Amino acid sequence: MYKSKLVNQKASYGYQKQKEREIRSCIRYKCSLTNTIGDVLRQRPGWVEVKDDGEWDFYWCDVGWLRENFDHIYLDEHVHICHFRNHYELTRKNFMVKNLKRFRKQLKKEFGQLEAEKCDFFPMTFELPSEYHLFVEEFRKNPGSTWIMKPVARSQGRGIFLFRKLKDIMDWKKDGGRIDEQKDEIPVENYVAQRYIENPYLIGGRKFDLRVYVLVTSYTPLKAWLYRDGFARFSNTRFTLSSIDDQYIHLTNVAIQKMAPDYDPEKGCKWMIQQLRLYLTACHGPEMVETLFQNMDNIFIKSLQSVQKIIINDKHCFELYGYDILIDQDLKPWLLEVNASPSLTASSQEDYELKCCLLEDTLNVVDMEGRLSGKEKQVGGFDLMWNDGPVFRDDRQKESLNNGGFVANTHLGCVNDRKKQLKQMFKLAHAAKKL
């Protein structure tokens, strides 16, 4: 009797485990957005959307939900979510600069000035109101120079303005930018005052910046992927410093540019990054352009390293960052900001296709289906550029470190052979499972 009962219990347990495996083979997802990520998730084979109260294996959430709920839920081993708990250490403008300044001091102390200079890729920046007096001191050293004010936690160009006189920011200071020391109140919203890049690289007389995508799947150890595709966002109006009040000249955000009176929604204001790389190569030669893109690789790595010990690593989390990079006339790249929720809304058919492929490959890297070996250097359009150390294209390029260079396994702006690569990779994975 006892043996019979034990056999039945084992059979029941085995049945439950089998059902769990069957459920697990169907990925249950939840998504709080209705743009391209919703389309990609709906079309992914074997993925099923769950309703508000349903249990999920994968959640593409917004940062507001994360802030309110992450610390109050239990996540099973296999579950994944699209943000790290304190992502804001890199994606809030004031925290990003604070961490980069601290990291630069650390590099100088440990490795010397030359290594610290590799972090000189962000404009001089002050947080207001806490660093207002330091800002004023620097401002008066360079009278007539242009500065830009940015709210630390807004996006799409909201709340940004340029100025050249201190009186231009007095209204901001009066309307909530000042701390009342007697009441010890914190202002509703902080800003950063940043030296404006007055010599941006122009194409057709227009300013542009780059949107580049970096995927981090772990901070301990640091594991980061760089996407081959991206785009340049152009202003709709020719650049001039004679008018600093015209947002259509100085702000390249699509949310701003599409409001311009002469904006053409068919053409948009974007170039694919491959097109930009070809243009720059034709104008400046392959060596200068290769150096430019290597310097951008340095920005991605150093910025991630600056928060590596601060970000709360969690095996359930990953983060798709949107980097905004400006290139000046000397082909020097500048980091403007890093976005935790880069826009996934498409402004054209080409933009839609880029973002769908980007998101499909993000899901391929996160690998809820368990199809990867963990040794891949490329997954679709993503190239593994850092895995607890630099990932090289081949063994010969390891010598670059000895010569002071950094040639990582990145192909930003190069041909994206994602379809061919995915087909071959999954074919090999399927063959390996049969063995």
Protein backbone atom coordinates (compact mmCIF):
# COMPACT_ATOMS: atom_id res chain seq x y z
CA MET A 1 0.00 0.00 0.00
CA TYR A 2 2.75 2.39 0.96
CA LYS A 3 4.76 1.49 -2.16
CA SER A 4 1.70 1.96 -4.35
CA LYS A 5 1.05 5.38 -2.83
CA LEU A 6 4.70 6.37 -3.35
CA VAL A 7 4.59 5.26 -6.99
CA ASN A 8 1.42 7.31 -7.50
CA GLN A 9 3.06 10.35 -5.88
CA LYS A 10 6.12 10.00 -8.10
CA ALA A 11 3.91 9.60 -11.17
CA SER A 12 1.92 12.69 -10.17
CA TYR A 13 5.13 14.67 -9.56
CA GLY A 14 6.51 13.54 -12.92
CA TYR A 15 3.28 14.58 -14.62
CA GLN A 16 3.42 18.02 -12.99
CA LYS A 17 7.02 18.51 -14.10
CA GLN A 18 6.11 17.42 -17.62
CA LYS A 19 3.26 19.96 -17.67
CA GLU A 20 5.65 22.66 -16.39
CA ARG A 21 8.06 21.87 -19.23
CA GLU A 22 5.20 22.04 -21.74
CA ILE A 23 4.09 25.41 -20.32
CA ARG A 24 7.68 26.62 -20.30
CA SER A 25 8.00 25.75 -24.03
CA CYS A 26 5.29 28.35 -24.60
CA ILE A 27 6.76 31.71 -23.57
CA ARG A 28 4.19 33.84 -21.76
CA TYR A 29 4.89 37.51 -22.24
CA LYS A 30 3.52 40.78 -21.03
CA CYS A 31 4.09 44.14 -22.72
CA SER A 32 3.09 47.63 -21.61
CA LEU A 33 3.83 49.25 -25.01
CA THR A 34 1.80 49.22 -28.21
CA ASN A 35 4.47 50.10 -30.80
CA THR A 36 6.99 47.90 -32.66
CA ILE A 37 7.86 45.77 -29.62
CA GLY A 38 4.19 44.72 -29.41
CA ASP A 39 4.26 43.68 -33.07
CA VAL A 40 7.51 41.73 -32.64
CA LEU A 41 6.28 39.87 -29.55
CA ARG A 42 2.95 38.94 -31.17
CA GLN A 43 4.70 37.53 -34.24
CA ARG A 44 7.31 35.50 -32.35
CA PRO A 45 6.63 31.74 -32.67
CA GLY A 46 5.66 30.05 -29.42
CA TRP A 47 5.10 33.31 -27.53
CA VAL A 48 1.68 34.00 -26.04
CA GLU A 49 0.49 37.26 -24.48
CA VAL A 50 -1.00 37.15 -21.00
CA LYS A 51 -3.51 39.55 -19.50
CA ASP A 52 -2.91 41.95 -16.64
CA ASP A 53 -3.10 39.43 -13.81
CA GLY A 54 -1.63 36.47 -15.66
CA GLU A 55 1.70 34.88 -14.83
CA TRP A 56 4.44 35.81 -17.26
CA ASP A 57 7.90 34.61 -18.25
CA PHE A 58 8.97 37.79 -20.04
CA TYR A 59 7.90 41.38 -19.38
CA TRP A 60 8.73 44.40 -21.53
CA CYS A 61 7.75 46.98 -18.94
CA ASP A 62 8.11 50.72 -18.56
CA VAL A 63 10.41 52.21 -15.93
CA GLY A 64 7.46 53.44 -13.89
CA TRP A 65 6.19 49.88 -13.35
CA LEU A 66 9.72 48.75 -12.50
CA ARG A 67 10.12 51.46 -9.86
CA GLU A 68 6.83 50.60 -8.17
CA ASN A 69 6.88 46.80 -8.38
CA PHE A 70 10.34 45.25 -8.78
CA ASP A 71 11.15 45.09 -5.07
CA HIS A 72 7.79 43.52 -4.23
CA ILE A 73 7.63 40.53 -6.58
CA TYR A 74 9.30 37.12 -6.75
CA LEU A 75 10.78 36.12 -10.11
CA ASP A 76 11.27 32.49 -11.08
CA GLU A 77 14.64 31.34 -12.37
CA HIS A 78 13.74 31.59 -16.07
CA VAL A 79 11.93 34.97 -15.97
CA HIS A 80 13.33 38.03 -17.76
CA ILE A 81 12.52 41.73 -17.54
CA CYS A 82 13.76 44.58 -19.74
CA HIS A 83 15.40 46.92 -17.18
CA PHE A 84 17.94 46.78 -14.38
CA ARG A 85 16.60 48.01 -11.07
CA ASN A 86 18.69 51.21 -10.88
CA HIS A 87 19.19 51.79 -14.60
CA TYR A 88 18.94 55.53 -13.93
CA GLU A 89 22.59 55.61 -12.78
CA LEU A 90 23.45 55.72 -16.48
CA THR A 91 20.27 57.05 -18.05
CA ARG A 92 19.58 60.16 -15.94
CA LYS A 93 21.72 62.95 -17.32
CA ASN A 94 23.02 64.16 -13.96
CA PHE A 95 23.84 60.66 -12.66
CA MET A 96 25.55 59.72 -15.92
CA VAL A 97 27.89 62.71 -15.70
CA LYS A 98 28.50 62.20 -11.97
CA ASN A 99 29.51 58.57 -12.56
CA LEU A 100 31.69 59.42 -15.55
CA LYS A 101 33.52 62.14 -13.57
CA ARG A 102 34.08 59.73 -10.69
CA PHE A 103 35.30 57.01 -13.06
CA ARG A 104 37.69 59.43 -14.78
CA LYS A 105 39.23 60.35 -11.40
CA GLN A 106 39.57 56.66 -10.58
CA LEU A 107 41.35 55.94 -13.88
CA LYS A 108 43.72 58.87 -13.34
CA LYS A 109 44.58 57.66 -9.84
CA GLU A 110 45.11 54.03 -10.87
CA PHE A 111 46.48 54.27 -14.42
CA GLY A 112 47.50 57.88 -15.04
CA GLN A 113 46.41 60.87 -17.09
CA LEU A 114 46.46 59.18 -20.51
CA GLU A 115 43.98 56.55 -19.43
CA ALA A 116 41.78 59.17 -17.74
CA GLU A 117 41.68 61.17 -20.99
CA LYS A 118 39.85 58.27 -22.63
CA CYS A 119 36.82 59.48 -20.66
CA ASP A 120 36.97 62.99 -22.14
CA PHE A 121 33.99 62.37 -24.42
CA PHE A 122 31.22 64.29 -22.65
CA PRO A 123 30.79 68.09 -22.64
CA MET A 124 31.53 70.10 -19.50
CA THR A 125 28.42 69.68 -17.38
CA PHE A 126 27.04 71.04 -14.09
CA GLU A 127 24.00 69.92 -12.17
CA LEU A 128 21.67 72.74 -11.18
CA PRO A 129 20.85 73.96 -8.67
CA SER A 130 23.41 72.04 -6.54
CA GLU A 131 26.42 73.13 -8.65
CA TYR A 132 25.11 76.54 -9.60
CA HIS A 133 28.04 78.49 -8.12
CA LEU A 134 30.60 76.23 -9.83
CA PHE A 135 28.71 76.71 -13.07
CA VAL A 136 28.70 80.51 -12.75
CA GLU A 137 32.44 80.49 -12.11
CA GLU A 138 33.07 78.49 -15.31
CA PHE A 139 30.49 80.48 -17.26
CA ARG A 140 32.29 83.76 -16.53
CA LYS A 141 35.61 82.36 -17.78
CA ASN A 142 34.19 82.12 -21.32
CA PRO A 143 31.81 85.05 -21.86
CA GLY A 144 29.64 84.73 -24.95
CA SER A 145 29.88 80.94 -25.21
CA THR A 146 26.72 78.90 -25.72
CA TRP A 147 25.29 76.58 -23.07
CA ILE A 148 22.36 74.20 -23.17
CA MET A 149 19.96 73.44 -20.30
CA LYS A 150 18.40 69.98 -20.07
CA PRO A 151 15.99 68.53 -17.49
CA VAL A 152 17.68 65.45 -16.03
CA ALA A 153 14.81 63.00 -16.46
CA ARG A 154 12.87 64.09 -19.54
CA SER A 155 13.17 62.85 -23.12
CA GLN A 156 12.31 63.80 -26.72
CA GLY A 157 13.75 67.29 -26.32
CA ARG A 158 11.18 68.46 -23.77
CA GLY A 159 12.28 71.32 -21.54
CA ILE A 160 15.58 71.99 -23.36
CA PHE A 161 16.79 75.51 -24.18
CA LEU A 162 20.03 77.25 -25.18
CA PHE A 163 21.39 80.40 -23.52
CA ARG A 164 24.37 82.76 -23.50
CA LYS A 165 23.52 85.06 -20.59
CA LEU A 166 22.94 84.27 -16.94
CA LYS A 167 19.76 86.27 -16.93
CA ASP A 168 18.37 83.79 -19.48
CA ILE A 169 18.12 81.13 -16.78
CA MET A 170 16.74 83.32 -14.01
CA ASP A 171 13.18 82.35 -14.89
CA TRP A 172 14.14 78.69 -14.54
CA LYS A 173 15.80 79.44 -11.20
CA LYS A 174 12.69 81.20 -9.90
CA ASP A 175 10.25 78.54 -11.12
CA GLY A 176 11.49 75.61 -9.08
CA GLY A 177 15.18 75.40 -9.81
CA ARG A 178 16.18 76.87 -6.45
CA ILE A 179 16.35 75.01 -3.15
CA ASP A 180 14.81 76.76 -0.19
CA GLU A 181 17.56 76.16 2.37
CA GLN A 182 15.37 77.15 5.34
CA LYS A 183 12.65 74.63 4.43
CA ASP A 184 15.21 72.13 3.12
CA GLU A 185 13.01 71.40 0.14
CA ILE A 186 14.17 69.48 -2.92
CA PRO A 187 13.21 71.09 -6.24
CA VAL A 188 10.61 69.33 -8.32
CA GLU A 189 12.98 68.98 -11.23
CA ASN A 190 16.75 69.34 -11.60
CA TYR A 191 18.56 70.38 -14.74
CA VAL A 192 22.05 70.06 -16.14
CA ALA A 193 23.82 73.01 -17.74
CA GLN A 194 26.11 71.69 -20.45
CA ARG A 195 28.64 73.37 -22.73
CA TYR A 196 27.02 73.40 -26.16
CA ILE A 197 29.06 71.82 -28.98
CA GLU A 198 29.34 74.87 -31.24
CA ASN A 199 31.19 73.11 -34.08
CA PRO A 200 29.03 70.10 -34.98
CA TYR A 201 29.81 68.16 -38.14
CA LEU A 202 27.33 69.31 -40.78
CA ILE A 203 25.95 67.53 -43.83
CA GLY A 204 24.11 69.75 -46.27
CA GLY A 205 24.50 72.52 -43.70
CA ARG A 206 22.42 70.59 -41.17
CA LYS A 207 23.27 69.29 -37.72
CA PHE A 208 22.72 65.64 -36.81
CA ASP A 209 23.38 63.17 -34.03
CA LEU A 210 23.51 59.37 -33.95
CA ARG A 211 21.23 56.91 -32.22
CA VAL A 212 23.16 53.71 -31.48
CA TYR A 213 21.86 50.63 -29.66
CA VAL A 214 23.77 48.76 -26.95
CA LEU A 215 22.37 45.68 -25.21
CA VAL A 216 23.65 44.72 -21.76
CA THR A 217 22.73 41.24 -20.49
CA SER A 218 24.92 41.33 -17.37
CA TYR A 219 26.93 43.79 -15.29
CA THR A 220 28.64 41.11 -13.16
CA PRO A 221 30.51 40.24 -15.26
CA LEU A 222 29.92 42.97 -17.81
CA LYS A 223 28.53 41.53 -21.05
CA ALA A 224 27.58 44.04 -23.75
CA TRP A 225 26.47 43.82 -27.37
CA LEU A 226 26.53 46.53 -30.06
CA TYR A 227 23.95 46.61 -32.86
CA ARG A 228 25.20 47.09 -36.41
CA ASP A 229 22.28 49.28 -37.48
CA GLY A 230 21.37 52.69 -36.15
CA PHE A 231 20.59 56.06 -37.67
CA ALA A 232 21.58 59.68 -37.89
CA ARG A 233 18.84 62.18 -36.93
CA PHE A 234 19.05 65.45 -38.83
CA SER A 235 17.67 68.85 -38.02
CA ASN A 236 15.20 70.21 -40.53
CA THR A 237 16.82 73.66 -40.71
CA ARG A 238 20.35 74.71 -41.68
CA PHE A 239 22.68 75.20 -38.74
CA THR A 240 23.59 78.64 -37.42
CA LEU A 241 24.63 80.02 -34.06
CA SER A 242 23.03 83.37 -34.77
CA SER A 243 19.68 82.02 -33.59
CA ILE A 244 19.74 79.93 -30.43
CA ASP A 245 15.97 80.00 -29.84
CA ASP A 246 15.04 77.92 -32.89
CA GLN A 247 14.63 74.30 -31.76
CA TYR A 248 14.45 73.10 -35.36
CA ILE A 249 18.09 74.15 -35.80
CA HIS A 250 19.61 72.77 -32.63
CA LEU A 251 17.52 69.79 -31.45
CA THR A 252 17.55 66.71 -33.68
CA ASN A 253 14.87 64.75 -31.79
CA VAL A 254 12.24 63.42 -34.18
CA ALA A 255 9.52 64.51 -31.75
CA ILE A 256 10.75 68.10 -32.27
CA GLN A 257 11.57 67.96 -35.98
CA LYS A 258 8.25 66.49 -37.09
CA MET A 259 6.54 69.66 -35.82
CA ALA A 260 8.53 71.85 -38.23
CA PRO A 261 6.31 73.59 -40.84
CA ASP A 262 8.26 72.12 -43.79
CA TYR A 263 8.77 68.61 -42.35
CA ASP A 264 8.24 65.88 -44.95
CA PRO A 265 6.94 62.69 -43.26
CA GLU A 266 7.78 60.65 -46.36
CA LYS A 267 11.46 61.56 -46.26
CA GLY A 268 11.76 62.10 -42.53
CA CYS A 269 15.06 63.39 -41.15
CA LYS A 270 17.06 60.17 -40.84
CA TRP A 271 19.95 58.43 -42.52
CA MET A 272 20.79 54.82 -41.86
CA ILE A 273 24.17 54.65 -40.14
CA GLN A 274 25.58 52.59 -43.03
CA GLN A 275 24.80 55.51 -45.35
CA LEU A 276 26.53 57.92 -42.99
CA ARG A 277 29.62 55.72 -42.71
CA LEU A 278 29.91 55.51 -46.51
CA TYR A 279 29.54 59.30 -46.78
CA LEU A 280 32.21 59.97 -44.16
CA THR A 281 34.56 57.43 -45.75
CA ALA A 282 34.19 59.12 -49.13
CA CYS A 283 34.95 62.51 -47.56
CA HIS A 284 37.73 61.59 -45.12
CA GLY A 285 39.08 58.16 -46.04
CA PRO A 286 38.69 54.79 -44.32
CA GLU A 287 41.41 55.29 -41.68
CA MET A 288 39.90 58.43 -40.15
CA VAL A 289 36.43 56.90 -40.16
CA GLU A 290 37.70 53.67 -38.57
CA THR A 291 39.30 55.78 -35.83
CA LEU A 292 36.02 57.65 -35.34
CA PHE A 293 34.08 54.41 -34.88
CA GLN A 294 36.74 52.97 -32.56
CA ASN A 295 36.39 56.11 -30.44
CA MET A 296 32.64 55.47 -30.28
CA ASP A 297 33.35 51.90 -29.11
CA ASN A 298 35.43 53.46 -26.35
CA ILE A 299 32.46 55.62 -25.32
CA PHE A 300 30.17 52.60 -25.02
CA ILE A 301 32.63 50.58 -22.95
CA LYS A 302 33.85 53.36 -20.65
CA SER A 303 30.32 54.57 -19.92
CA LEU A 304 29.21 51.05 -18.96
CA GLN A 305 32.31 50.54 -16.85
CA SER A 306 31.58 53.79 -15.02
CA VAL A 307 28.39 52.25 -13.57
CA GLN A 308 29.42 48.60 -13.52
CA LYS A 309 29.93 48.49 -9.75
CA ILE A 310 26.85 50.62 -9.06
CA ILE A 311 24.15 48.97 -11.15
CA ILE A 312 22.35 46.27 -9.15
CA ASN A 313 23.04 43.23 -11.28
CA ASP A 314 20.22 40.71 -11.56
CA LYS A 315 20.17 37.57 -13.70
CA HIS A 316 16.55 38.31 -14.61
CA CYS A 317 17.38 41.70 -16.12
CA PHE A 318 18.71 43.05 -19.40
CA GLU A 319 18.78 46.57 -20.83
CA LEU A 320 18.56 47.89 -24.39
CA TYR A 321 20.18 51.34 -24.26
CA GLY A 322 19.82 54.06 -26.86
CA TYR A 323 23.05 56.09 -27.04
CA ASP A 324 22.95 59.62 -28.48
CA ILE A 325 26.30 60.60 -30.02
CA LEU A 326 27.25 63.92 -31.63
CA ILE A 327 30.23 64.21 -34.01
CA ASP A 328 32.08 67.53 -34.27
CA GLN A 329 34.03 69.00 -37.20
CA ASP A 330 37.22 67.29 -35.99
CA LEU A 331 35.46 63.88 -36.17
CA LYS A 332 35.45 63.63 -32.39
CA PRO A 333 32.41 61.81 -30.98
CA TRP A 334 30.64 63.26 -27.93
CA LEU A 335 28.26 61.39 -25.65
CA LEU A 336 25.10 63.47 -25.16
CA GLU A 337 22.97 61.01 -23.20
CA VAL A 338 21.95 57.39 -22.75
CA ASN A 339 18.29 56.38 -22.90
CA ALA A 340 16.77 53.54 -20.89
CA SER A 341 13.64 53.56 -23.03
CA PRO A 342 14.77 54.52 -26.55
CA SER A 343 11.83 55.31 -28.77
CA LEU A 344 10.41 52.20 -30.43
CA THR A 345 7.83 54.15 -32.42
CA ALA A 346 8.65 54.14 -36.13
CA SER A 347 8.70 57.35 -38.17
CA SER A 348 8.93 55.58 -41.58
CA GLN A 349 8.81 52.12 -43.12
CA GLU A 350 12.61 51.90 -43.07
CA ASP A 351 12.62 52.93 -39.41
CA TYR A 352 9.96 50.32 -38.63
CA GLU A 353 11.98 47.55 -40.26
CA LEU A 354 15.15 48.58 -38.42
CA LYS A 355 13.43 48.58 -35.03
CA CYS A 356 11.64 45.29 -35.64
CA CYS A 357 14.93 43.59 -36.57
CA LEU A 358 16.64 45.21 -33.57
CA LEU A 359 13.96 43.90 -31.21
CA GLU A 360 13.88 40.43 -32.76
CA ASP A 361 17.64 40.19 -32.26
CA THR A 362 17.32 41.50 -28.70
CA LEU A 363 14.98 38.60 -27.97
CA ASN A 364 17.41 36.23 -29.72
CA VAL A 365 20.26 37.37 -27.45
CA VAL A 366 18.12 37.18 -24.30
CA ASP A 367 17.32 33.65 -25.53
CA MET A 368 14.21 32.65 -23.59
CA GLU A 369 14.03 29.55 -25.83
CA GLY A 370 17.48 28.32 -24.76
CA ARG A 371 18.86 27.96 -28.28
CA LEU A 372 22.29 29.58 -27.80
CA SER A 373 25.49 27.97 -26.57
CA GLY A 374 26.74 31.09 -24.77
CA LYS A 375 29.89 31.24 -26.91
CA GLU A 376 28.44 33.31 -29.77
CA LYS A 377 30.26 36.47 -30.89
CA GLN A 378 27.38 37.48 -33.15
CA VAL A 379 23.64 37.00 -32.84
CA GLY A 380 21.74 38.52 -35.74
CA GLY A 381 22.73 42.18 -35.96
CA PHE A 382 24.36 42.20 -32.51
CA ASP A 383 28.12 41.82 -32.08
CA LEU A 384 29.48 40.90 -28.66
CA MET A 385 31.96 43.68 -27.85
CA TRP A 386 32.66 43.03 -24.17
CA ASN A 387 32.48 39.83 -22.14
CA ASP A 388 34.34 40.46 -18.88
CA GLY A 389 37.01 41.94 -21.17
CA PRO A 390 37.26 43.04 -24.81
CA VAL A 391 36.01 40.64 -27.47
CA PHE A 392 38.20 40.80 -30.57
CA ARG A 393 37.33 40.18 -34.18
CA ASP A 394 40.25 37.79 -34.43
CA ASP A 395 43.40 36.87 -32.52
CA ARG A 396 45.62 39.21 -34.53
CA GLN A 397 43.80 42.24 -33.28
CA LYS A 398 44.62 41.46 -29.66
CA GLU A 399 47.92 43.14 -30.47
CA SER A 400 46.06 46.45 -30.71
CA LEU A 401 45.87 46.67 -26.91
CA ASN A 402 49.65 46.44 -26.66
CA ASN A 403 49.90 49.34 -29.08
CA GLY A 404 47.43 51.46 -27.14
CA GLY A 405 44.54 50.79 -29.51
CA PHE A 406 41.13 49.26 -29.06
CA VAL A 407 39.73 47.24 -31.97
CA ALA A 408 36.73 45.42 -30.59
CA ASN A 409 34.42 42.91 -32.23
CA THR A 410 32.10 45.63 -33.52
CA HIS A 411 30.73 46.39 -36.96
CA LEU A 412 28.67 49.53 -36.37
CA GLY A 413 27.60 50.92 -39.74
CA CYS A 414 28.86 47.86 -41.62
CA VAL A 415 26.75 45.40 -43.61
CA ASN A 416 24.15 43.73 -41.40
CA ASP A 417 24.03 40.07 -42.49
CA ARG A 418 21.63 39.16 -39.70
CA LYS A 419 19.32 36.85 -41.70
CA LYS A 420 22.18 34.75 -43.06
CA GLN A 421 23.88 34.65 -39.66
CA LEU A 422 20.74 33.64 -37.76
CA LYS A 423 19.91 30.91 -40.25
CA GLN A 424 23.39 29.42 -39.98
CA MET A 425 23.55 29.80 -36.18
CA PHE A 426 20.21 28.11 -35.51
CA LYS A 427 20.99 25.37 -38.03
CA LEU A 428 24.21 24.57 -36.13
CA ALA A 429 22.36 24.73 -32.79
CA HIS A 430 19.73 22.30 -34.04
CA ALA A 431 22.40 19.91 -35.31
CA ALA A 432 24.25 20.08 -31.96
CA LYS A 433 21.06 19.18 -30.03
CA LYS A 434 20.59 16.09 -32.21
CA LEU A 435 24.06 14.90 -31.21
